[in-house]
N, C-alpha and C. Protein backbone atom coordinates (compact mmCIF):
# COMPACT_ATOMS: atom_id res chain seq x y z
N UNK A 1 -15.89 76.48 -33.11
CA UNK A 1 -15.46 75.32 -33.90
C UNK A 1 -16.44 74.17 -33.68
N UNK A 2 -16.78 73.48 -34.74
CA UNK A 2 -17.73 72.38 -34.66
C UNK A 2 -17.19 71.28 -33.74
N UNK A 3 -18.04 70.79 -32.79
CA UNK A 3 -17.62 69.79 -31.82
C UNK A 3 -17.19 68.50 -32.51
N UNK A 4 -17.91 68.12 -33.58
CA UNK A 4 -17.56 66.90 -34.29
C UNK A 4 -16.16 66.98 -34.85
N UNK A 5 -15.80 68.18 -35.36
CA UNK A 5 -14.47 68.37 -35.93
C UNK A 5 -13.40 68.22 -34.85
N UNK A 6 -13.67 68.80 -33.68
CA UNK A 6 -12.71 68.73 -32.58
C UNK A 6 -12.48 67.28 -32.17
N UNK A 7 -13.56 66.52 -32.02
CA UNK A 7 -13.45 65.12 -31.62
C UNK A 7 -12.68 64.32 -32.67
N UNK A 8 -13.03 64.54 -33.94
CA UNK A 8 -12.38 63.80 -35.02
C UNK A 8 -10.90 64.14 -35.09
N UNK A 9 -10.59 65.42 -34.93
CA UNK A 9 -9.19 65.85 -34.99
C UNK A 9 -8.40 65.23 -33.83
N UNK A 10 -9.00 65.23 -32.64
CA UNK A 10 -8.34 64.67 -31.47
C UNK A 10 -8.07 63.19 -31.66
N UNK A 11 -9.06 62.47 -32.17
CA UNK A 11 -8.88 61.03 -32.40
C UNK A 11 -7.78 60.78 -33.43
N UNK A 12 -7.74 61.62 -34.45
CA UNK A 12 -6.71 61.47 -35.48
C UNK A 12 -5.32 61.71 -34.89
N UNK A 13 -5.20 62.74 -34.03
CA UNK A 13 -3.92 63.05 -33.41
C UNK A 13 -3.46 61.91 -32.51
N UNK A 14 -4.40 61.33 -31.75
CA UNK A 14 -4.08 60.21 -30.88
C UNK A 14 -3.62 59.01 -31.71
N UNK A 15 -4.30 58.78 -32.84
CA UNK A 15 -3.95 57.66 -33.71
C UNK A 15 -2.54 57.84 -34.26
N UNK A 16 -2.23 59.07 -34.71
CA UNK A 16 -0.90 59.36 -35.26
C UNK A 16 0.17 59.17 -34.19
N UNK A 17 -0.11 59.67 -32.97
CA UNK A 17 0.85 59.54 -31.88
C UNK A 17 1.09 58.07 -31.54
N UNK A 18 0.01 57.29 -31.49
CA UNK A 18 0.14 55.87 -31.17
C UNK A 18 0.91 55.15 -32.25
N UNK A 19 0.66 55.51 -33.51
CA UNK A 19 1.37 54.88 -34.62
C UNK A 19 2.86 55.20 -34.56
N UNK A 20 3.18 56.45 -34.22
CA UNK A 20 4.59 56.84 -34.11
C UNK A 20 5.27 56.09 -32.97
N UNK A 21 4.56 56.00 -31.84
CA UNK A 21 5.12 55.28 -30.70
C UNK A 21 5.33 53.81 -31.03
N UNK A 22 4.38 53.24 -31.78
CA UNK A 22 4.49 51.84 -32.16
C UNK A 22 5.69 51.64 -33.09
N UNK A 23 5.88 52.58 -34.03
CA UNK A 23 7.02 52.49 -34.95
C UNK A 23 8.34 52.60 -34.19
N UNK A 24 8.39 53.58 -33.24
CA UNK A 24 9.60 53.75 -32.45
C UNK A 24 9.87 52.51 -31.61
N UNK A 25 8.80 51.91 -31.06
CA UNK A 25 8.96 50.72 -30.25
C UNK A 25 9.52 49.57 -31.07
N UNK A 26 8.97 49.39 -32.28
CA UNK A 26 9.46 48.31 -33.14
C UNK A 26 10.91 48.55 -33.53
N UNK A 27 11.23 49.81 -33.80
CA UNK A 27 12.61 50.14 -34.16
C UNK A 27 13.55 49.83 -32.99
N UNK A 28 13.12 50.20 -31.76
CA UNK A 28 13.95 49.94 -30.58
C UNK A 28 14.12 48.45 -30.36
N UNK A 29 13.06 47.69 -30.60
CA UNK A 29 13.14 46.24 -30.43
C UNK A 29 14.11 45.63 -31.44
N UNK A 30 14.04 46.09 -32.69
CA UNK A 30 14.95 45.58 -33.71
C UNK A 30 16.39 45.95 -33.38
N UNK A 31 16.58 47.20 -32.92
CA UNK A 31 17.92 47.65 -32.57
C UNK A 31 18.48 46.84 -31.41
N UNK A 32 17.64 46.59 -30.41
CA UNK A 32 18.08 45.81 -29.26
C UNK A 32 18.39 44.37 -29.66
N UNK A 33 17.58 43.81 -30.56
CA UNK A 33 17.82 42.44 -31.02
C UNK A 33 19.15 42.36 -31.77
N UNK A 34 19.44 43.36 -32.59
CA UNK A 34 20.71 43.40 -33.31
C UNK A 34 21.88 43.48 -32.35
N UNK A 35 21.73 44.33 -31.35
CA UNK A 35 22.79 44.47 -30.34
C UNK A 35 23.03 43.16 -29.62
N UNK A 36 21.96 42.48 -29.24
CA UNK A 36 22.08 41.20 -28.54
C UNK A 36 22.80 40.17 -29.42
N UNK A 37 22.47 40.13 -30.70
CA UNK A 37 23.12 39.18 -31.61
C UNK A 37 24.62 39.45 -31.69
N UNK A 38 24.99 40.72 -31.78
CA UNK A 38 26.40 41.08 -31.90
C UNK A 38 27.16 40.72 -30.62
N UNK A 39 26.58 41.01 -29.48
CA UNK A 39 27.25 40.68 -28.22
C UNK A 39 27.39 39.17 -28.06
N UNK A 40 26.35 38.44 -28.40
CA UNK A 40 26.40 36.97 -28.27
C UNK A 40 27.46 36.37 -29.19
N UNK A 41 27.51 36.85 -30.43
CA UNK A 41 28.49 36.34 -31.38
C UNK A 41 29.91 36.68 -30.94
N UNK A 42 30.12 37.93 -30.54
CA UNK A 42 31.45 38.36 -30.11
C UNK A 42 31.88 37.62 -28.86
N UNK A 43 30.97 37.43 -27.96
CA UNK A 43 31.30 36.73 -26.70
C UNK A 43 31.81 35.32 -26.97
N UNK A 44 31.14 34.62 -27.84
CA UNK A 44 31.55 33.25 -28.17
C UNK A 44 32.89 33.23 -28.88
N UNK A 45 33.07 34.13 -29.84
CA UNK A 45 34.31 34.15 -30.62
C UNK A 45 35.50 34.62 -29.78
N UNK A 46 35.30 35.67 -28.98
CA UNK A 46 36.39 36.16 -28.13
C UNK A 46 36.82 35.10 -27.13
N UNK A 47 35.85 34.37 -26.58
CA UNK A 47 36.18 33.34 -25.59
C UNK A 47 36.93 32.19 -26.24
N UNK A 48 36.57 31.87 -27.48
CA UNK A 48 37.19 30.72 -28.16
C UNK A 48 38.61 31.02 -28.65
N UNK A 49 38.81 32.24 -29.20
CA UNK A 49 40.10 32.50 -29.84
C UNK A 49 40.82 33.74 -29.35
N UNK A 50 40.16 34.56 -28.59
CA UNK A 50 40.79 35.78 -28.10
C UNK A 50 40.43 36.98 -28.96
N UNK A 51 40.43 38.14 -28.34
CA UNK A 51 40.02 39.38 -29.00
C UNK A 51 40.85 39.69 -30.24
N UNK A 52 42.16 39.57 -30.14
CA UNK A 52 43.04 39.97 -31.24
C UNK A 52 42.86 39.13 -32.49
N UNK A 53 42.45 37.88 -32.32
CA UNK A 53 42.35 36.96 -33.46
C UNK A 53 40.96 36.91 -34.08
N UNK A 54 40.08 37.77 -33.65
CA UNK A 54 38.72 37.79 -34.19
C UNK A 54 38.47 39.13 -34.86
N UNK A 55 38.12 39.10 -36.14
CA UNK A 55 37.85 40.33 -36.88
C UNK A 55 36.38 40.69 -36.90
N UNK A 56 36.08 41.94 -37.21
CA UNK A 56 34.68 42.38 -37.24
C UNK A 56 33.89 41.68 -38.34
N UNK A 57 34.56 41.34 -39.44
CA UNK A 57 33.86 40.63 -40.51
C UNK A 57 33.33 39.30 -40.02
N UNK A 58 34.12 38.61 -39.24
CA UNK A 58 33.69 37.31 -38.70
C UNK A 58 32.56 37.50 -37.69
N UNK A 59 32.63 38.56 -36.91
CA UNK A 59 31.60 38.81 -35.91
C UNK A 59 30.25 39.08 -36.57
N UNK A 60 30.22 39.95 -37.58
CA UNK A 60 28.93 40.27 -38.20
C UNK A 60 28.38 39.06 -38.96
N UNK A 61 29.28 38.26 -39.51
CA UNK A 61 28.82 37.04 -40.19
C UNK A 61 28.17 36.09 -39.19
N UNK A 62 28.82 35.91 -38.05
CA UNK A 62 28.27 35.02 -37.02
C UNK A 62 26.97 35.55 -36.45
N UNK A 63 26.86 36.88 -36.36
CA UNK A 63 25.65 37.49 -35.81
C UNK A 63 24.52 37.56 -36.83
N UNK A 64 24.86 37.43 -38.12
CA UNK A 64 23.85 37.51 -39.16
C UNK A 64 23.37 38.93 -39.41
N UNK A 65 24.27 39.91 -39.22
CA UNK A 65 23.92 41.31 -39.45
C UNK A 65 24.96 41.93 -40.38
N UNK A 66 24.76 43.18 -40.73
CA UNK A 66 25.69 43.88 -41.62
C UNK A 66 26.77 44.60 -40.82
N UNK A 67 27.84 44.95 -41.51
CA UNK A 67 28.89 45.73 -40.87
C UNK A 67 28.35 47.09 -40.42
N UNK A 68 27.45 47.66 -41.22
CA UNK A 68 26.84 48.93 -40.84
C UNK A 68 26.08 48.82 -39.54
N UNK A 69 25.41 47.68 -39.34
CA UNK A 69 24.68 47.47 -38.09
C UNK A 69 25.62 47.42 -36.90
N UNK A 70 26.80 46.82 -37.10
CA UNK A 70 27.80 46.77 -36.03
C UNK A 70 28.21 48.17 -35.61
N UNK A 71 28.54 49.01 -36.59
CA UNK A 71 29.03 50.35 -36.27
C UNK A 71 27.90 51.31 -35.90
N UNK A 72 26.67 50.91 -36.13
CA UNK A 72 25.54 51.69 -35.62
C UNK A 72 25.39 51.45 -34.12
N UNK A 73 25.70 50.24 -33.68
CA UNK A 73 25.55 49.87 -32.28
C UNK A 73 26.80 50.20 -31.45
N UNK A 74 27.96 50.04 -32.07
CA UNK A 74 29.22 50.21 -31.34
C UNK A 74 30.19 51.06 -32.16
N UNK A 75 30.93 51.91 -31.47
CA UNK A 75 31.88 52.77 -32.17
C UNK A 75 32.99 51.97 -32.83
N UNK A 76 33.40 50.89 -32.18
CA UNK A 76 34.47 50.05 -32.72
C UNK A 76 34.45 48.70 -32.02
N UNK A 77 35.42 47.86 -32.36
CA UNK A 77 35.46 46.51 -31.77
C UNK A 77 35.73 46.57 -30.27
N UNK A 78 36.49 47.57 -29.83
CA UNK A 78 36.78 47.69 -28.41
C UNK A 78 35.51 47.97 -27.61
N UNK A 79 34.61 48.79 -28.18
CA UNK A 79 33.35 49.06 -27.50
C UNK A 79 32.48 47.81 -27.42
N UNK A 80 32.56 46.99 -28.44
CA UNK A 80 31.84 45.71 -28.41
C UNK A 80 32.42 44.82 -27.31
N UNK A 81 33.74 44.81 -27.19
CA UNK A 81 34.38 44.04 -26.12
C UNK A 81 33.90 44.54 -24.76
N UNK A 82 33.79 45.85 -24.59
CA UNK A 82 33.32 46.41 -23.32
C UNK A 82 31.92 45.92 -23.00
N UNK A 83 31.06 45.84 -24.01
CA UNK A 83 29.70 45.36 -23.81
C UNK A 83 29.70 43.89 -23.41
N UNK A 84 30.58 43.11 -24.01
CA UNK A 84 30.69 41.68 -23.66
C UNK A 84 31.16 41.53 -22.22
N UNK A 85 32.18 42.30 -21.83
CA UNK A 85 32.69 42.24 -20.46
C UNK A 85 31.62 42.65 -19.47
N UNK A 86 30.88 43.69 -19.81
CA UNK A 86 29.80 44.16 -18.95
C UNK A 86 28.76 43.07 -18.73
N UNK A 87 28.41 42.37 -19.80
CA UNK A 87 27.42 41.29 -19.69
C UNK A 87 27.96 40.15 -18.83
N UNK A 88 29.19 39.75 -19.04
CA UNK A 88 29.77 38.65 -18.26
C UNK A 88 29.86 39.04 -16.78
N UNK A 89 30.30 40.27 -16.51
CA UNK A 89 30.42 40.73 -15.13
C UNK A 89 29.05 40.75 -14.44
N UNK A 90 28.03 41.19 -15.16
CA UNK A 90 26.69 41.24 -14.59
C UNK A 90 26.20 39.84 -14.25
N UNK A 91 26.44 38.89 -15.14
CA UNK A 91 26.02 37.51 -14.90
C UNK A 91 26.78 36.91 -13.73
N UNK A 92 28.08 37.17 -13.65
CA UNK A 92 28.88 36.65 -12.55
C UNK A 92 28.37 37.18 -11.21
N UNK A 93 28.09 38.48 -11.16
CA UNK A 93 27.61 39.08 -9.92
C UNK A 93 26.30 38.46 -9.49
N UNK A 94 25.40 38.25 -10.45
CA UNK A 94 24.13 37.61 -10.14
C UNK A 94 24.32 36.19 -9.64
N UNK A 95 25.22 35.47 -10.28
CA UNK A 95 25.50 34.09 -9.85
C UNK A 95 26.09 34.06 -8.45
N UNK A 96 26.99 34.98 -8.15
CA UNK A 96 27.60 35.01 -6.82
C UNK A 96 26.57 35.38 -5.76
N UNK A 97 25.69 36.34 -6.09
CA UNK A 97 24.65 36.73 -5.15
C UNK A 97 23.70 35.57 -4.89
N UNK A 98 23.31 34.88 -5.94
CA UNK A 98 22.41 33.73 -5.79
C UNK A 98 23.08 32.62 -4.99
N UNK A 99 24.38 32.41 -5.27
CA UNK A 99 25.12 31.38 -4.54
C UNK A 99 25.24 31.71 -3.06
N UNK A 100 25.43 33.00 -2.75
CA UNK A 100 25.53 33.41 -1.35
C UNK A 100 24.23 33.14 -0.61
N UNK A 101 23.11 33.44 -1.27
CA UNK A 101 21.80 33.20 -0.66
C UNK A 101 21.56 31.70 -0.50
N UNK A 102 21.90 30.94 -1.54
CA UNK A 102 21.66 29.48 -1.52
C UNK A 102 22.53 28.77 -0.49
N UNK A 103 23.67 29.35 -0.13
CA UNK A 103 24.57 28.71 0.82
C UNK A 103 23.95 28.60 2.21
N UNK A 104 22.99 29.47 2.49
CA UNK A 104 22.34 29.45 3.79
C UNK A 104 23.14 30.12 4.89
N UNK A 105 24.34 30.60 4.57
CA UNK A 105 25.18 31.27 5.57
C UNK A 105 24.54 32.58 5.99
N UNK A 106 24.58 32.86 7.27
CA UNK A 106 24.01 34.10 7.81
C UNK A 106 25.09 35.10 8.20
N UNK A 107 26.27 34.59 8.51
CA UNK A 107 27.36 35.45 8.93
C UNK A 107 27.92 36.21 7.73
N UNK A 108 27.97 37.55 7.78
CA UNK A 108 28.47 38.34 6.63
C UNK A 108 29.90 38.00 6.24
N UNK A 109 30.74 37.69 7.22
CA UNK A 109 32.12 37.32 6.90
C UNK A 109 32.15 36.03 6.11
N UNK A 110 31.36 35.06 6.53
CA UNK A 110 31.28 33.80 5.80
C UNK A 110 30.74 34.01 4.39
N UNK A 111 29.76 34.89 4.27
CA UNK A 111 29.19 35.18 2.95
C UNK A 111 30.23 35.84 2.04
N UNK A 112 31.00 36.78 2.59
CA UNK A 112 32.05 37.43 1.81
C UNK A 112 33.12 36.44 1.37
N UNK A 113 33.52 35.57 2.30
CA UNK A 113 34.54 34.57 1.97
C UNK A 113 34.03 33.57 0.94
N UNK A 114 32.75 33.17 1.07
CA UNK A 114 32.17 32.23 0.11
C UNK A 114 32.07 32.86 -1.27
N UNK A 115 31.72 34.15 -1.31
CA UNK A 115 31.63 34.85 -2.60
C UNK A 115 33.00 35.00 -3.24
N UNK A 116 34.01 35.30 -2.41
CA UNK A 116 35.38 35.44 -2.93
C UNK A 116 35.87 34.11 -3.49
N UNK A 117 35.63 33.04 -2.75
CA UNK A 117 36.05 31.72 -3.22
C UNK A 117 35.35 31.34 -4.52
N UNK A 118 34.03 31.59 -4.57
CA UNK A 118 33.27 31.26 -5.78
C UNK A 118 33.79 32.07 -6.97
N UNK A 119 34.11 33.33 -6.74
CA UNK A 119 34.62 34.17 -7.83
C UNK A 119 35.97 33.64 -8.33
N UNK A 120 36.84 33.28 -7.41
CA UNK A 120 38.16 32.78 -7.81
C UNK A 120 38.06 31.44 -8.53
N UNK A 121 36.96 30.73 -8.34
CA UNK A 121 36.76 29.49 -9.09
C UNK A 121 36.26 29.79 -10.51
N UNK A 122 35.53 30.89 -10.67
CA UNK A 122 34.99 31.21 -12.01
C UNK A 122 36.06 31.79 -12.93
N UNK A 123 37.13 32.36 -12.37
CA UNK A 123 38.07 33.09 -13.21
C UNK A 123 38.84 32.19 -14.16
N UNK A 124 38.85 30.88 -13.90
CA UNK A 124 39.53 29.97 -14.82
C UNK A 124 38.60 29.51 -15.94
N UNK A 125 37.32 29.88 -15.90
CA UNK A 125 36.45 29.61 -17.03
C UNK A 125 36.95 30.37 -18.24
N UNK A 126 36.83 29.77 -19.40
CA UNK A 126 37.44 30.32 -20.61
C UNK A 126 37.04 31.77 -20.87
N UNK A 127 35.73 32.06 -20.83
CA UNK A 127 35.32 33.42 -21.20
C UNK A 127 35.70 34.43 -20.11
N UNK A 128 35.71 34.02 -18.86
CA UNK A 128 36.11 34.94 -17.81
C UNK A 128 37.62 35.16 -17.86
N UNK A 129 38.36 34.07 -17.96
CA UNK A 129 39.82 34.16 -18.01
C UNK A 129 40.28 34.97 -19.21
N UNK A 130 39.89 34.51 -20.39
CA UNK A 130 40.42 35.12 -21.61
C UNK A 130 39.82 36.49 -21.90
N UNK A 131 38.51 36.61 -21.80
CA UNK A 131 37.84 37.85 -22.20
C UNK A 131 37.96 38.94 -21.14
N UNK A 132 37.56 38.62 -19.91
CA UNK A 132 37.49 39.64 -18.86
C UNK A 132 38.85 39.99 -18.28
N UNK A 133 39.70 38.99 -18.07
CA UNK A 133 40.96 39.24 -17.36
C UNK A 133 42.17 39.40 -18.27
N UNK A 134 42.22 38.65 -19.37
CA UNK A 134 43.40 38.72 -20.23
C UNK A 134 43.26 39.80 -21.30
N UNK A 135 42.16 39.78 -22.04
CA UNK A 135 42.01 40.70 -23.17
C UNK A 135 41.49 42.08 -22.77
N UNK A 136 40.53 42.12 -21.88
CA UNK A 136 39.85 43.38 -21.60
C UNK A 136 40.75 44.43 -20.97
N UNK A 137 41.60 44.02 -20.05
CA UNK A 137 42.43 45.00 -19.34
C UNK A 137 43.34 45.79 -20.28
N UNK A 138 44.13 45.14 -21.15
CA UNK A 138 44.98 45.93 -22.05
C UNK A 138 44.21 46.66 -23.15
N UNK A 139 43.10 46.09 -23.60
CA UNK A 139 42.34 46.73 -24.68
C UNK A 139 41.55 47.93 -24.17
N UNK A 140 40.87 47.77 -23.05
CA UNK A 140 40.01 48.83 -22.54
C UNK A 140 40.76 49.82 -21.65
N UNK A 141 41.88 49.38 -21.09
CA UNK A 141 42.61 50.23 -20.15
C UNK A 141 42.08 50.04 -18.74
N UNK A 142 42.92 50.36 -17.76
CA UNK A 142 42.57 50.12 -16.37
C UNK A 142 41.30 50.83 -15.94
N UNK A 143 41.17 52.13 -16.29
CA UNK A 143 40.03 52.91 -15.81
C UNK A 143 38.70 52.36 -16.32
N UNK A 144 38.63 52.04 -17.62
CA UNK A 144 37.38 51.50 -18.17
C UNK A 144 37.09 50.11 -17.62
N UNK A 145 38.13 49.30 -17.51
CA UNK A 145 37.98 47.94 -16.97
C UNK A 145 37.48 48.00 -15.53
N UNK A 146 38.06 48.89 -14.74
CA UNK A 146 37.66 49.06 -13.35
C UNK A 146 36.22 49.58 -13.24
N UNK A 147 35.87 50.52 -14.13
CA UNK A 147 34.52 51.10 -14.09
C UNK A 147 33.45 50.03 -14.30
N UNK A 148 33.71 49.09 -15.20
CA UNK A 148 32.75 48.01 -15.43
C UNK A 148 32.65 47.13 -14.18
N UNK A 149 33.79 46.81 -13.59
CA UNK A 149 33.78 45.99 -12.38
C UNK A 149 33.06 46.67 -11.23
N UNK A 150 33.26 47.96 -11.08
CA UNK A 150 32.59 48.69 -10.01
C UNK A 150 31.08 48.71 -10.20
N UNK A 151 30.64 48.72 -11.44
CA UNK A 151 29.21 48.79 -11.70
C UNK A 151 28.48 47.54 -11.22
N UNK A 152 29.18 46.44 -11.10
CA UNK A 152 28.51 45.19 -10.74
C UNK A 152 28.98 44.64 -9.39
N UNK A 153 30.22 44.24 -9.29
CA UNK A 153 30.70 43.58 -8.07
C UNK A 153 30.65 44.48 -6.85
N UNK A 154 30.84 45.78 -7.04
CA UNK A 154 30.86 46.69 -5.90
C UNK A 154 29.53 46.66 -5.15
N UNK A 155 28.44 46.58 -5.88
CA UNK A 155 27.12 46.57 -5.25
C UNK A 155 26.94 45.37 -4.34
N UNK A 156 27.38 44.20 -4.79
CA UNK A 156 27.25 42.99 -3.98
C UNK A 156 28.08 43.10 -2.71
N UNK A 157 29.32 43.57 -2.84
CA UNK A 157 30.18 43.71 -1.67
C UNK A 157 29.60 44.72 -0.69
N UNK A 158 29.12 45.85 -1.20
CA UNK A 158 28.52 46.86 -0.31
C UNK A 158 27.32 46.30 0.43
N UNK A 159 26.51 45.52 -0.27
CA UNK A 159 25.33 44.95 0.36
C UNK A 159 25.71 44.04 1.53
N UNK A 160 26.71 43.19 1.33
CA UNK A 160 27.14 42.27 2.38
C UNK A 160 27.78 43.04 3.55
N UNK A 161 28.57 44.05 3.23
CA UNK A 161 29.20 44.85 4.29
C UNK A 161 28.15 45.62 5.08
N UNK A 162 27.20 46.21 4.38
CA UNK A 162 26.16 46.98 5.06
C UNK A 162 25.35 46.09 6.00
N UNK A 163 25.03 44.89 5.53
CA UNK A 163 24.28 43.95 6.35
C UNK A 163 25.06 43.63 7.63
N UNK A 164 26.37 43.36 7.46
CA UNK A 164 27.20 43.03 8.61
C UNK A 164 27.30 44.17 9.60
N UNK A 165 27.44 45.39 9.10
CA UNK A 165 27.53 46.56 9.98
C UNK A 165 26.21 46.80 10.70
N UNK A 166 25.11 46.69 9.97
CA UNK A 166 23.79 46.91 10.59
C UNK A 166 23.49 45.87 11.65
N UNK A 167 23.98 44.64 11.44
CA UNK A 167 23.76 43.57 12.42
C UNK A 167 24.75 43.62 13.57
N UNK A 168 25.73 44.52 13.49
CA UNK A 168 26.71 44.63 14.55
C UNK A 168 27.80 43.58 14.49
N UNK A 169 27.85 42.82 13.40
CA UNK A 169 28.87 41.77 13.25
C UNK A 169 30.19 42.37 12.77
N UNK A 170 30.11 43.38 11.91
CA UNK A 170 31.31 44.02 11.37
C UNK A 170 31.49 45.40 12.00
N UNK A 171 32.74 45.80 12.11
CA UNK A 171 33.03 47.14 12.60
C UNK A 171 32.48 48.17 11.64
N UNK A 172 31.92 49.23 12.18
CA UNK A 172 31.35 50.27 11.33
C UNK A 172 32.47 51.23 10.91
N UNK A 173 32.83 51.13 9.65
CA UNK A 173 33.84 52.01 9.05
C UNK A 173 33.23 52.56 7.76
N UNK A 174 33.84 53.57 7.13
CA UNK A 174 33.28 54.10 5.88
C UNK A 174 33.03 52.99 4.87
N UNK A 175 31.78 52.84 4.45
CA UNK A 175 31.37 51.68 3.66
C UNK A 175 31.97 51.66 2.25
N UNK A 176 31.80 52.74 1.52
CA UNK A 176 32.25 52.77 0.12
C UNK A 176 33.76 52.55 -0.02
N UNK A 177 34.61 53.24 0.76
CA UNK A 177 36.05 52.99 0.64
C UNK A 177 36.41 51.54 0.94
N UNK A 178 35.75 50.96 1.96
CA UNK A 178 36.04 49.56 2.30
C UNK A 178 35.65 48.63 1.17
N UNK A 179 34.48 48.87 0.56
CA UNK A 179 34.03 48.04 -0.55
C UNK A 179 34.99 48.14 -1.73
N UNK A 180 35.47 49.34 -2.02
CA UNK A 180 36.45 49.54 -3.09
C UNK A 180 37.72 48.74 -2.81
N UNK A 181 38.18 48.80 -1.55
CA UNK A 181 39.41 48.12 -1.19
C UNK A 181 39.27 46.60 -1.34
N UNK A 182 38.14 46.06 -0.89
CA UNK A 182 37.93 44.62 -0.99
C UNK A 182 37.80 44.18 -2.45
N UNK A 183 37.08 44.97 -3.24
CA UNK A 183 36.93 44.61 -4.66
C UNK A 183 38.28 44.63 -5.36
N UNK A 184 39.10 45.62 -5.06
CA UNK A 184 40.43 45.70 -5.67
C UNK A 184 41.27 44.49 -5.27
N UNK A 185 41.17 44.08 -3.99
CA UNK A 185 41.93 42.93 -3.51
C UNK A 185 41.49 41.65 -4.21
N UNK A 186 40.19 41.48 -4.38
CA UNK A 186 39.66 40.28 -5.02
C UNK A 186 40.02 40.26 -6.51
N UNK A 187 39.94 41.42 -7.16
CA UNK A 187 40.34 41.48 -8.58
C UNK A 187 41.81 41.15 -8.74
N UNK A 188 42.65 41.66 -7.84
CA UNK A 188 44.08 41.37 -7.91
C UNK A 188 44.32 39.88 -7.67
N UNK A 189 43.53 39.30 -6.76
CA UNK A 189 43.65 37.86 -6.51
C UNK A 189 43.29 37.08 -7.77
N UNK A 190 42.28 37.53 -8.48
CA UNK A 190 41.87 36.85 -9.72
C UNK A 190 42.98 36.91 -10.76
N UNK A 191 43.60 38.07 -10.90
CA UNK A 191 44.70 38.20 -11.86
C UNK A 191 45.88 37.29 -11.47
N UNK A 192 46.11 37.16 -10.19
CA UNK A 192 47.18 36.29 -9.69
C UNK A 192 46.88 34.83 -10.05
N UNK A 193 45.62 34.42 -9.86
CA UNK A 193 45.23 33.03 -10.12
C UNK A 193 45.37 32.68 -11.59
N UNK A 194 44.87 33.55 -12.47
CA UNK A 194 44.88 33.21 -13.90
C UNK A 194 46.30 33.26 -14.48
N UNK A 195 47.21 33.99 -13.83
CA UNK A 195 48.58 34.07 -14.34
C UNK A 195 49.46 32.95 -13.79
N UNK A 196 48.96 32.20 -12.81
CA UNK A 196 49.76 31.18 -12.14
C UNK A 196 49.92 29.93 -13.00
N UNK A 197 51.04 29.23 -12.83
CA UNK A 197 51.25 27.96 -13.52
C UNK A 197 50.28 26.90 -13.02
N UNK A 198 49.93 26.98 -11.75
CA UNK A 198 48.97 26.05 -11.16
C UNK A 198 47.86 26.87 -10.51
N UNK A 199 46.77 27.13 -11.23
CA UNK A 199 45.69 27.96 -10.71
C UNK A 199 45.07 27.43 -9.42
N UNK A 200 44.99 26.12 -9.27
CA UNK A 200 44.39 25.55 -8.06
C UNK A 200 45.21 25.90 -6.82
N UNK A 201 46.53 25.77 -6.94
CA UNK A 201 47.40 26.13 -5.82
C UNK A 201 47.32 27.63 -5.55
N UNK A 202 47.33 28.42 -6.61
CA UNK A 202 47.25 29.87 -6.46
C UNK A 202 45.94 30.29 -5.80
N UNK A 203 44.86 29.61 -6.15
CA UNK A 203 43.56 29.92 -5.55
C UNK A 203 43.58 29.64 -4.05
N UNK A 204 44.12 28.50 -3.67
CA UNK A 204 44.19 28.17 -2.25
C UNK A 204 45.06 29.17 -1.49
N UNK A 205 46.18 29.55 -2.09
CA UNK A 205 47.06 30.52 -1.45
C UNK A 205 46.36 31.87 -1.27
N UNK A 206 45.65 32.29 -2.29
CA UNK A 206 44.96 33.57 -2.20
C UNK A 206 43.84 33.55 -1.17
N UNK A 207 43.12 32.44 -1.09
CA UNK A 207 42.06 32.34 -0.09
C UNK A 207 42.64 32.36 1.32
N UNK A 208 43.80 31.75 1.49
CA UNK A 208 44.48 31.79 2.78
C UNK A 208 44.87 33.22 3.14
N UNK A 209 45.25 34.00 2.12
CA UNK A 209 45.65 35.38 2.36
C UNK A 209 44.44 36.29 2.58
N UNK A 210 43.36 36.04 1.88
CA UNK A 210 42.17 36.89 1.97
C UNK A 210 41.39 36.64 3.25
N UNK A 211 41.40 35.39 3.73
CA UNK A 211 40.58 35.04 4.89
C UNK A 211 40.86 35.92 6.12
N UNK A 212 42.11 36.06 6.56
CA UNK A 212 42.34 36.93 7.72
C UNK A 212 42.02 38.40 7.44
N UNK A 213 42.17 38.81 6.18
CA UNK A 213 41.85 40.19 5.81
C UNK A 213 40.37 40.46 6.04
N UNK A 214 39.51 39.57 5.57
CA UNK A 214 38.08 39.75 5.73
C UNK A 214 37.63 39.46 7.16
N UNK A 215 38.20 38.42 7.76
CA UNK A 215 37.84 38.07 9.13
C UNK A 215 38.20 39.19 10.10
N UNK A 216 39.21 39.97 9.76
CA UNK A 216 39.62 41.07 10.61
C UNK A 216 38.62 42.21 10.65
N UNK A 217 37.58 42.16 9.82
CA UNK A 217 36.55 43.19 9.83
C UNK A 217 35.54 43.00 10.95
N UNK A 218 35.59 41.87 11.63
CA UNK A 218 34.61 41.60 12.68
C UNK A 218 34.67 42.66 13.79
N UNK A 219 33.51 42.94 14.34
CA UNK A 219 33.42 43.94 15.40
C UNK A 219 34.05 43.40 16.69
């Protein structure tokens, strides 16, 4: 086979492959941009009026996309809610982690207590209260709601517990079960706070109850 032909054919194949990859990349970027618009629009609307009072027509109008684009990205409105909850949970976890570092506290128990207190202060924010705690649980069901929480908050709790155990400050017990137990306790505390007639009083009561629970982990 002529060498020139081989070189030309190879260059053509590389060009076609690069063009296809570029097209796929642009398509992925457009798809991701559409998804981001839908989540942002739904997040704002759900926080303002609640999941039940917001229709998909209003969401796509606010996002500036078509109804077909919505159902290409999400199976239904509940799946869109799950994506919104996932985003809020991820942001909360990052904020709590950053706050723990910024506090300057070195003691793992103090870090856990500070994170719990910070979380209980965020739950009265409109989007956390209404979207994550009020609407998401009945719409998504306990298992799906818990799965989203485990994906984010569990990692932060495990990190703090592992640090404490490695430093000899906390008793060494099975890490994952303990992290699950603490996350469940904090989530239940959050539900208690948002359901209370006086959230500030409920928050103080819960912190009083959680403090000896976490402090009891000391070695």
